[in-house]
Amino acid sequence: MPYSIEDKKKAGTRLKRIKGQVEALERAVEAGTECRLLLQQIAAMRGAAGGLMAEVLEIHLRETLESDEERKTLPAENDQMEGIMKILRAYLK
């Protein structure tokens, strides 16, 4: 769970974006929009949800696996965790 103010703000922003996409999709379905356009919107929602999942997963992994000292360093300085997250982000797209 995002605990820091910055992490909560990022998660909240992503959730608002996803909510807007869901509402737009609902309106498009009710308006009878053609399938290819609906599929585009669904793919965008899936990407946004994957981005949120990657963010929360990274927070969880860092809190669970990193020591307090490792968490104090900049994320770019922790090559092992950054490598793991790069792989996970690729699979969550």
N, C-alpha and C. Protein backbone atom coordinates (compact mmCIF):
# COMPACT_ATOMS: atom_id res chain seq x y z
N MET A 1 0.85 -1.18 0.00
CA MET A 1 0.00 0.00 0.00
C MET A 1 0.90 1.24 0.00
N PRO A 2 0.57 2.20 -0.84
CA PRO A 2 1.35 3.43 -0.83
C PRO A 2 1.19 4.18 0.49
N TYR A 3 2.30 4.44 1.17
CA TYR A 3 2.24 5.13 2.46
C TYR A 3 2.70 6.58 2.37
N SER A 4 3.71 6.84 1.55
CA SER A 4 4.21 8.21 1.51
C SER A 4 3.22 9.12 0.78
N ILE A 5 3.29 10.39 1.06
CA ILE A 5 2.39 11.35 0.42
C ILE A 5 2.58 11.34 -1.09
N GLU A 6 3.82 11.26 -1.52
CA GLU A 6 4.12 11.25 -2.95
C GLU A 6 3.54 10.00 -3.63
N ASP A 7 3.71 8.83 -2.98
CA ASP A 7 3.19 7.58 -3.55
C ASP A 7 1.66 7.60 -3.60
N LYS A 8 1.02 8.12 -2.56
CA LYS A 8 -0.43 8.21 -2.54
C LYS A 8 -0.93 9.14 -3.64
N LYS A 9 -0.22 10.24 -3.84
CA LYS A 9 -0.62 11.19 -4.87
C LYS A 9 -0.51 10.55 -6.26
N LYS A 10 0.59 9.84 -6.51
CA LYS A 10 0.76 9.18 -7.81
C LYS A 10 -0.32 8.12 -8.04
N ALA A 11 -0.61 7.33 -7.02
CA ALA A 11 -1.65 6.30 -7.14
C ALA A 11 -3.02 6.95 -7.36
N GLY A 12 -3.30 8.01 -6.63
CA GLY A 12 -4.57 8.72 -6.79
C GLY A 12 -4.74 9.29 -8.19
N THR A 13 -3.66 9.84 -8.73
CA THR A 13 -3.70 10.38 -10.09
C THR A 13 -4.00 9.29 -11.10
N ARG A 14 -3.34 8.15 -10.94
CA ARG A 14 -3.58 7.02 -11.86
C ARG A 14 -5.02 6.53 -11.73
N LEU A 15 -5.53 6.45 -10.51
CA LEU A 15 -6.90 5.99 -10.31
C LEU A 15 -7.92 6.94 -10.94
N LYS A 16 -7.68 8.23 -10.83
CA LYS A 16 -8.58 9.21 -11.45
C LYS A 16 -8.57 9.05 -12.97
N ARG A 17 -7.39 8.80 -13.53
CA ARG A 17 -7.27 8.60 -14.97
C ARG A 17 -8.05 7.35 -15.39
N ILE A 18 -7.89 6.28 -14.64
CA ILE A 18 -8.61 5.04 -14.94
C ILE A 18 -10.12 5.26 -14.82
N LYS A 19 -10.54 5.96 -13.79
CA LYS A 19 -11.97 6.24 -13.60
C LYS A 19 -12.51 7.02 -14.80
N GLY A 20 -11.77 8.01 -15.26
CA GLY A 20 -12.19 8.78 -16.43
C GLY A 20 -12.29 7.91 -17.67
N GLN A 21 -11.35 6.99 -17.82
CA GLN A 21 -11.38 6.09 -18.97
C GLN A 21 -12.58 5.16 -18.91
N VAL A 22 -12.90 4.66 -17.72
CA VAL A 22 -14.05 3.77 -17.56
C VAL A 22 -15.34 4.53 -17.89
N GLU A 23 -15.45 5.75 -17.40
CA GLU A 23 -16.65 6.54 -17.68
C GLU A 23 -16.78 6.84 -19.17
N ALA A 24 -15.67 7.14 -19.83
CA ALA A 24 -15.69 7.40 -21.27
C ALA A 24 -16.09 6.14 -22.03
N LEU A 25 -15.60 4.99 -21.59
CA LEU A 25 -15.96 3.73 -22.24
C LEU A 25 -17.45 3.45 -22.07
N GLU A 26 -17.97 3.70 -20.88
CA GLU A 26 -19.39 3.49 -20.63
C GLU A 26 -20.23 4.36 -21.57
N ARG A 27 -19.85 5.62 -21.71
CA ARG A 27 -20.57 6.52 -22.62
C ARG A 27 -20.47 6.05 -24.07
N ALA A 28 -19.29 5.56 -24.44
CA ALA A 28 -19.09 5.10 -25.82
C ALA A 28 -19.95 3.87 -26.11
N VAL A 29 -20.04 2.95 -25.16
CA VAL A 29 -20.87 1.76 -25.35
C VAL A 29 -22.34 2.17 -25.50
N GLU A 30 -22.79 3.04 -24.64
CA GLU A 30 -24.18 3.49 -24.70
C GLU A 30 -24.48 4.25 -25.99
N ALA A 31 -23.47 4.91 -26.55
CA ALA A 31 -23.66 5.67 -27.79
C ALA A 31 -23.56 4.77 -29.02
N GLY A 32 -23.20 3.51 -28.82
CA GLY A 32 -23.10 2.60 -29.96
C GLY A 32 -21.82 2.76 -30.77
N THR A 33 -20.76 3.17 -30.14
CA THR A 33 -19.47 3.34 -30.80
C THR A 33 -19.00 2.01 -31.38
N GLU A 34 -18.33 2.08 -32.53
CA GLU A 34 -17.89 0.85 -33.18
C GLU A 34 -16.82 0.12 -32.36
N CYS A 35 -16.77 -1.18 -32.56
CA CYS A 35 -15.93 -2.06 -31.74
C CYS A 35 -14.46 -1.68 -31.74
N ARG A 36 -13.91 -1.31 -32.89
CA ARG A 36 -12.47 -1.03 -32.93
C ARG A 36 -12.11 0.14 -32.02
N LEU A 37 -12.99 1.11 -31.91
CA LEU A 37 -12.75 2.25 -31.02
C LEU A 37 -12.91 1.84 -29.56
N LEU A 38 -13.89 0.97 -29.29
CA LEU A 38 -14.05 0.46 -27.93
C LEU A 38 -12.82 -0.33 -27.51
N LEU A 39 -12.31 -1.14 -28.42
CA LEU A 39 -11.12 -1.94 -28.11
C LEU A 39 -9.92 -1.05 -27.80
N GLN A 40 -9.81 0.06 -28.52
CA GLN A 40 -8.73 1.02 -28.24
C GLN A 40 -8.85 1.56 -26.81
N GLN A 41 -10.06 1.92 -26.43
CA GLN A 41 -10.27 2.45 -25.08
C GLN A 41 -10.00 1.39 -24.01
N ILE A 42 -10.40 0.17 -24.29
CA ILE A 42 -10.16 -0.92 -23.34
C ILE A 42 -8.66 -1.17 -23.19
N ALA A 43 -7.93 -1.13 -24.29
CA ALA A 43 -6.49 -1.32 -24.23
C ALA A 43 -5.82 -0.21 -23.42
N ALA A 44 -6.31 1.01 -23.55
CA ALA A 44 -5.76 2.13 -22.78
C ALA A 44 -6.03 1.92 -21.29
N MET A 45 -7.24 1.43 -20.96
CA MET A 45 -7.57 1.17 -19.56
C MET A 45 -6.69 0.06 -19.00
N ARG A 46 -6.47 -0.97 -19.80
CA ARG A 46 -5.62 -2.08 -19.35
C ARG A 46 -4.20 -1.58 -19.10
N GLY A 47 -3.70 -0.71 -19.97
CA GLY A 47 -2.37 -0.14 -19.77
C GLY A 47 -2.28 0.70 -18.51
N ALA A 48 -3.31 1.48 -18.27
CA ALA A 48 -3.34 2.32 -17.06
C ALA A 48 -3.39 1.46 -15.80
N ALA A 49 -4.19 0.39 -15.84
CA ALA A 49 -4.27 -0.51 -14.68
C ALA A 49 -2.94 -1.22 -14.47
N GLY A 50 -2.29 -1.61 -15.56
CA GLY A 50 -0.97 -2.24 -15.46
C GLY A 50 0.06 -1.29 -14.87
N GLY A 51 -0.01 -0.03 -15.24
CA GLY A 51 0.89 0.97 -14.67
C GLY A 51 0.69 1.14 -13.18
N LEU A 52 -0.57 1.17 -12.76
CA LEU A 52 -0.89 1.26 -11.33
C LEU A 52 -0.39 0.02 -10.60
N MET A 53 -0.61 -1.15 -11.20
CA MET A 53 -0.16 -2.38 -10.57
C MET A 53 1.37 -2.39 -10.41
N ALA A 54 2.07 -1.93 -11.44
CA ALA A 54 3.53 -1.88 -11.37
C ALA A 54 4.00 -0.94 -10.26
N GLU A 55 3.35 0.20 -10.12
CA GLU A 55 3.72 1.16 -9.08
C GLU A 55 3.53 0.58 -7.69
N VAL A 56 2.36 -0.01 -7.45
CA VAL A 56 2.06 -0.56 -6.13
C VAL A 56 2.96 -1.76 -5.86
N LEU A 57 3.22 -2.58 -6.87
CA LEU A 57 4.11 -3.72 -6.70
C LEU A 57 5.52 -3.27 -6.36
N GLU A 58 5.99 -2.24 -7.01
CA GLU A 58 7.33 -1.72 -6.71
C GLU A 58 7.40 -1.22 -5.26
N ILE A 59 6.39 -0.49 -4.83
CA ILE A 59 6.35 0.00 -3.45
C ILE A 59 6.39 -1.18 -2.49
N HIS A 60 5.58 -2.19 -2.77
CA HIS A 60 5.51 -3.37 -1.91
C HIS A 60 6.86 -4.09 -1.86
N LEU A 61 7.47 -4.30 -3.02
CA LEU A 61 8.76 -5.01 -3.05
C LEU A 61 9.84 -4.23 -2.31
N ARG A 62 9.86 -2.93 -2.53
CA ARG A 62 10.87 -2.12 -1.84
C ARG A 62 10.67 -2.16 -0.32
N GLU A 63 9.42 -2.09 0.13
CA GLU A 63 9.15 -2.13 1.57
C GLU A 63 9.44 -3.50 2.16
N THR A 64 9.21 -4.54 1.39
CA THR A 64 9.36 -5.90 1.89
C THR A 64 10.81 -6.39 1.82
N LEU A 65 11.49 -6.09 0.72
CA LEU A 65 12.80 -6.70 0.47
C LEU A 65 14.00 -5.81 0.78
N GLU A 66 13.82 -4.51 0.77
CA GLU A 66 14.96 -3.63 1.00
C GLU A 66 15.10 -3.29 2.48
N SER A 67 16.34 -3.15 2.89
CA SER A 67 16.60 -2.70 4.26
C SER A 67 16.31 -1.20 4.35
N ASP A 68 16.24 -0.68 5.58
CA ASP A 68 16.01 0.76 5.76
C ASP A 68 17.09 1.58 5.07
N GLU A 69 18.33 1.12 5.15
CA GLU A 69 19.43 1.85 4.54
C GLU A 69 19.31 1.86 3.02
N GLU A 70 18.92 0.73 2.45
CA GLU A 70 18.76 0.66 0.99
C GLU A 70 17.64 1.57 0.52
N ARG A 71 16.57 1.70 1.30
CA ARG A 71 15.44 2.54 0.93
C ARG A 71 15.81 4.02 0.93
N LYS A 72 16.82 4.39 1.70
CA LYS A 72 17.24 5.78 1.77
C LYS A 72 18.02 6.21 0.53
N THR A 73 18.59 5.25 -0.20
CA THR A 73 19.34 5.59 -1.41
C THR A 73 18.37 5.89 -2.54
N LEU A 74 18.86 6.57 -3.55
CA LEU A 74 18.03 6.87 -4.71
C LEU A 74 17.70 5.58 -5.45
N PRO A 75 16.49 5.47 -6.03
CA PRO A 75 16.11 4.24 -6.73
C PRO A 75 17.11 3.83 -7.81
N ALA A 76 17.69 4.79 -8.50
CA ALA A 76 18.64 4.46 -9.56
C ALA A 76 19.91 3.81 -9.00
N GLU A 77 20.19 4.04 -7.73
CA GLU A 77 21.38 3.47 -7.12
C GLU A 77 21.18 2.00 -6.74
N ASN A 78 19.98 1.53 -6.70
CA ASN A 78 19.71 0.15 -6.36
C ASN A 78 19.48 -0.63 -7.65
N ASP A 79 20.57 -1.05 -8.29
CA ASP A 79 20.51 -1.69 -9.60
C ASP A 79 19.72 -2.99 -9.59
N GLN A 80 19.84 -3.78 -8.54
CA GLN A 80 19.15 -5.07 -8.50
C GLN A 80 17.63 -4.88 -8.49
N MET A 81 17.12 -4.03 -7.64
CA MET A 81 15.69 -3.79 -7.58
C MET A 81 15.21 -3.13 -8.87
N GLU A 82 15.99 -2.22 -9.40
CA GLU A 82 15.61 -1.55 -10.64
C GLU A 82 15.53 -2.55 -11.79
N GLY A 83 16.42 -3.51 -11.83
CA GLY A 83 16.39 -4.56 -12.85
C GLY A 83 15.15 -5.42 -12.74
N ILE A 84 14.79 -5.77 -11.52
CA ILE A 84 13.58 -6.57 -11.29
C ILE A 84 12.35 -5.79 -11.75
N MET A 85 12.28 -4.52 -11.40
CA MET A 85 11.11 -3.72 -11.77
C MET A 85 11.03 -3.51 -13.28
N LYS A 86 12.16 -3.40 -13.94
CA LYS A 86 12.15 -3.24 -15.40
C LYS A 86 11.52 -4.46 -16.06
N ILE A 87 11.87 -5.65 -15.57
CA ILE A 87 11.29 -6.88 -16.10
C ILE A 87 9.80 -6.94 -15.81
N LEU A 88 9.40 -6.63 -14.58
CA LEU A 88 7.99 -6.69 -14.21
C LEU A 88 7.16 -5.68 -15.00
N ARG A 89 7.67 -4.47 -15.20
CA ARG A 89 6.93 -3.47 -15.97
C ARG A 89 6.70 -3.95 -17.40
N ALA A 90 7.70 -4.63 -17.97
CA ALA A 90 7.56 -5.15 -19.33
C ALA A 90 6.44 -6.19 -19.41
N TYR A 91 6.32 -7.02 -18.39
CA TYR A 91 5.27 -8.05 -18.39
C TYR A 91 3.89 -7.49 -18.06
N LEU A 92 3.85 -6.35 -17.37
CA LEU A 92 2.56 -5.78 -16.97
C LEU A 92 1.97 -4.85 -18.03
N LYS A 93 2.68 -4.61 -19.10
CA LYS A 93 2.16 -3.73 -20.17
C LYS A 93 1.01 -4.38 -20.88
